[in-house]
N, C-alpha and C. Protein backbone atom coordinates (compact mmCIF):
# COMPACT_ATOMS: atom_id res chain seq x y z
N MET A 1 0.81 -1.21 0.00
CA MET A 1 0.00 0.00 0.00
C MET A 1 0.85 1.26 0.00
N GLU A 2 2.09 1.15 0.38
CA GLU A 2 2.95 2.32 0.50
C GLU A 2 2.97 3.20 -0.75
N PRO A 3 2.94 2.65 -1.97
CA PRO A 3 2.99 3.52 -3.15
C PRO A 3 1.81 4.48 -3.27
N TYR A 4 0.72 4.22 -2.57
CA TYR A 4 -0.46 5.06 -2.66
C TYR A 4 -0.42 6.26 -1.72
N PHE A 5 0.57 6.33 -0.85
CA PHE A 5 0.65 7.40 0.13
C PHE A 5 1.92 8.22 -0.08
N THR A 6 1.80 9.53 0.07
CA THR A 6 2.96 10.40 -0.14
C THR A 6 3.48 10.99 1.16
N ASP A 7 2.73 10.91 2.22
CA ASP A 7 3.14 11.47 3.50
C ASP A 7 3.42 10.32 4.47
N ARG A 8 3.44 10.63 5.74
CA ARG A 8 3.71 9.60 6.75
C ARG A 8 2.73 8.44 6.61
N PHE A 9 3.31 7.25 6.61
CA PHE A 9 2.50 6.06 6.48
C PHE A 9 3.24 4.91 7.15
N GLU A 10 2.54 4.19 8.00
CA GLU A 10 3.16 3.05 8.67
C GLU A 10 2.09 2.00 8.91
N ILE A 11 2.41 0.77 8.62
CA ILE A 11 1.51 -0.34 8.88
C ILE A 11 1.85 -0.91 10.25
N LYS A 12 0.84 -1.03 11.08
CA LYS A 12 1.01 -1.63 12.40
C LYS A 12 0.17 -2.90 12.44
N TYR A 13 0.81 -4.01 12.71
CA TYR A 13 0.09 -5.27 12.83
C TYR A 13 -0.24 -5.51 14.29
N ILE A 14 -1.46 -5.90 14.53
CA ILE A 14 -1.92 -6.13 15.90
C ILE A 14 -2.18 -7.63 16.06
N PRO A 15 -1.41 -8.27 16.93
CA PRO A 15 -1.55 -9.72 17.09
C PRO A 15 -2.87 -10.11 17.76
N ARG A 16 -3.24 -11.35 17.52
CA ARG A 16 -4.46 -11.92 18.12
C ARG A 16 -5.69 -11.06 17.83
N CYS A 17 -5.78 -10.63 16.59
CA CYS A 17 -6.87 -9.75 16.22
C CYS A 17 -7.32 -10.07 14.80
N ARG A 18 -8.58 -9.88 14.53
CA ARG A 18 -9.09 -10.15 13.20
C ARG A 18 -9.78 -8.93 12.63
N HIS A 19 -11.06 -9.00 12.41
CA HIS A 19 -11.76 -7.94 11.69
C HIS A 19 -12.07 -6.71 12.55
N TRP A 20 -12.47 -6.90 13.78
CA TRP A 20 -12.89 -5.79 14.64
C TRP A 20 -11.74 -5.37 15.54
N VAL A 21 -10.73 -4.81 14.94
CA VAL A 21 -9.50 -4.47 15.65
C VAL A 21 -9.77 -3.59 16.86
N GLN A 22 -10.53 -2.53 16.68
CA GLN A 22 -10.77 -1.57 17.77
C GLN A 22 -11.55 -2.19 18.91
N GLN A 23 -12.25 -3.28 18.68
CA GLN A 23 -13.00 -3.93 19.75
C GLN A 23 -12.22 -5.09 20.37
N GLU A 24 -11.37 -5.73 19.59
CA GLU A 24 -10.62 -6.87 20.09
C GLU A 24 -9.35 -6.47 20.85
N GLN A 25 -8.74 -5.36 20.44
CA GLN A 25 -7.51 -4.89 21.09
C GLN A 25 -7.59 -3.36 21.28
N PRO A 26 -8.58 -2.86 22.02
CA PRO A 26 -8.77 -1.42 22.13
C PRO A 26 -7.59 -0.67 22.75
N GLU A 27 -6.93 -1.27 23.72
CA GLU A 27 -5.81 -0.58 24.37
C GLU A 27 -4.66 -0.33 23.38
N LEU A 28 -4.37 -1.33 22.58
CA LEU A 28 -3.28 -1.20 21.62
C LEU A 28 -3.64 -0.23 20.49
N VAL A 29 -4.89 -0.30 20.04
CA VAL A 29 -5.35 0.64 19.01
C VAL A 29 -5.24 2.07 19.53
N ASN A 30 -5.69 2.31 20.75
CA ASN A 30 -5.60 3.65 21.34
C ASN A 30 -4.15 4.09 21.49
N GLN A 31 -3.29 3.19 21.90
CA GLN A 31 -1.86 3.52 22.04
C GLN A 31 -1.28 3.96 20.70
N TYR A 32 -1.56 3.20 19.65
CA TYR A 32 -1.04 3.54 18.32
C TYR A 32 -1.60 4.88 17.83
N MET A 33 -2.87 5.12 18.09
CA MET A 33 -3.47 6.38 17.66
C MET A 33 -2.87 7.56 18.41
N LEU A 34 -2.67 7.41 19.71
CA LEU A 34 -2.08 8.49 20.50
C LEU A 34 -0.65 8.77 20.08
N GLU A 35 0.10 7.71 19.77
CA GLU A 35 1.47 7.90 19.29
C GLU A 35 1.47 8.66 17.96
N PHE A 36 0.57 8.30 17.07
CA PHE A 36 0.47 8.96 15.78
C PHE A 36 0.12 10.43 15.95
N LEU A 37 -0.85 10.72 16.79
CA LEU A 37 -1.28 12.10 17.01
C LEU A 37 -0.18 12.92 17.68
N ALA A 38 0.54 12.33 18.61
CA ALA A 38 1.64 13.04 19.27
C ALA A 38 2.72 13.36 18.26
N ASP A 39 2.98 12.44 17.35
CA ASP A 39 3.99 12.68 16.31
C ASP A 39 3.55 13.82 15.40
N LEU A 40 2.28 13.87 15.07
CA LEU A 40 1.76 14.96 14.23
C LEU A 40 1.93 16.29 14.95
N GLU A 41 1.61 16.32 16.23
CA GLU A 41 1.71 17.53 17.01
C GLU A 41 3.16 18.02 17.08
N GLU A 42 4.10 17.11 17.26
CA GLU A 42 5.51 17.48 17.33
C GLU A 42 6.02 18.05 16.01
N THR A 43 5.56 17.51 14.90
CA THR A 43 6.06 17.96 13.60
C THR A 43 5.42 19.27 13.16
N GLU A 44 4.30 19.65 13.74
CA GLU A 44 3.63 20.89 13.36
C GLU A 44 4.11 22.08 14.15
N ILE A 45 4.89 21.86 15.18
CA ILE A 45 5.37 22.96 16.02
C ILE A 45 6.43 23.74 15.30
């Protein structure tokens, strides 16, 4: 999928998870989202 994106892009695989990622591993999904948002905030300063 990388060729379709021109800006920051990273694939994160979440173990022991299938279709409903946000419901099966909510803590890890939230952690990844917060890390992404923090990185955005740091680069915009």
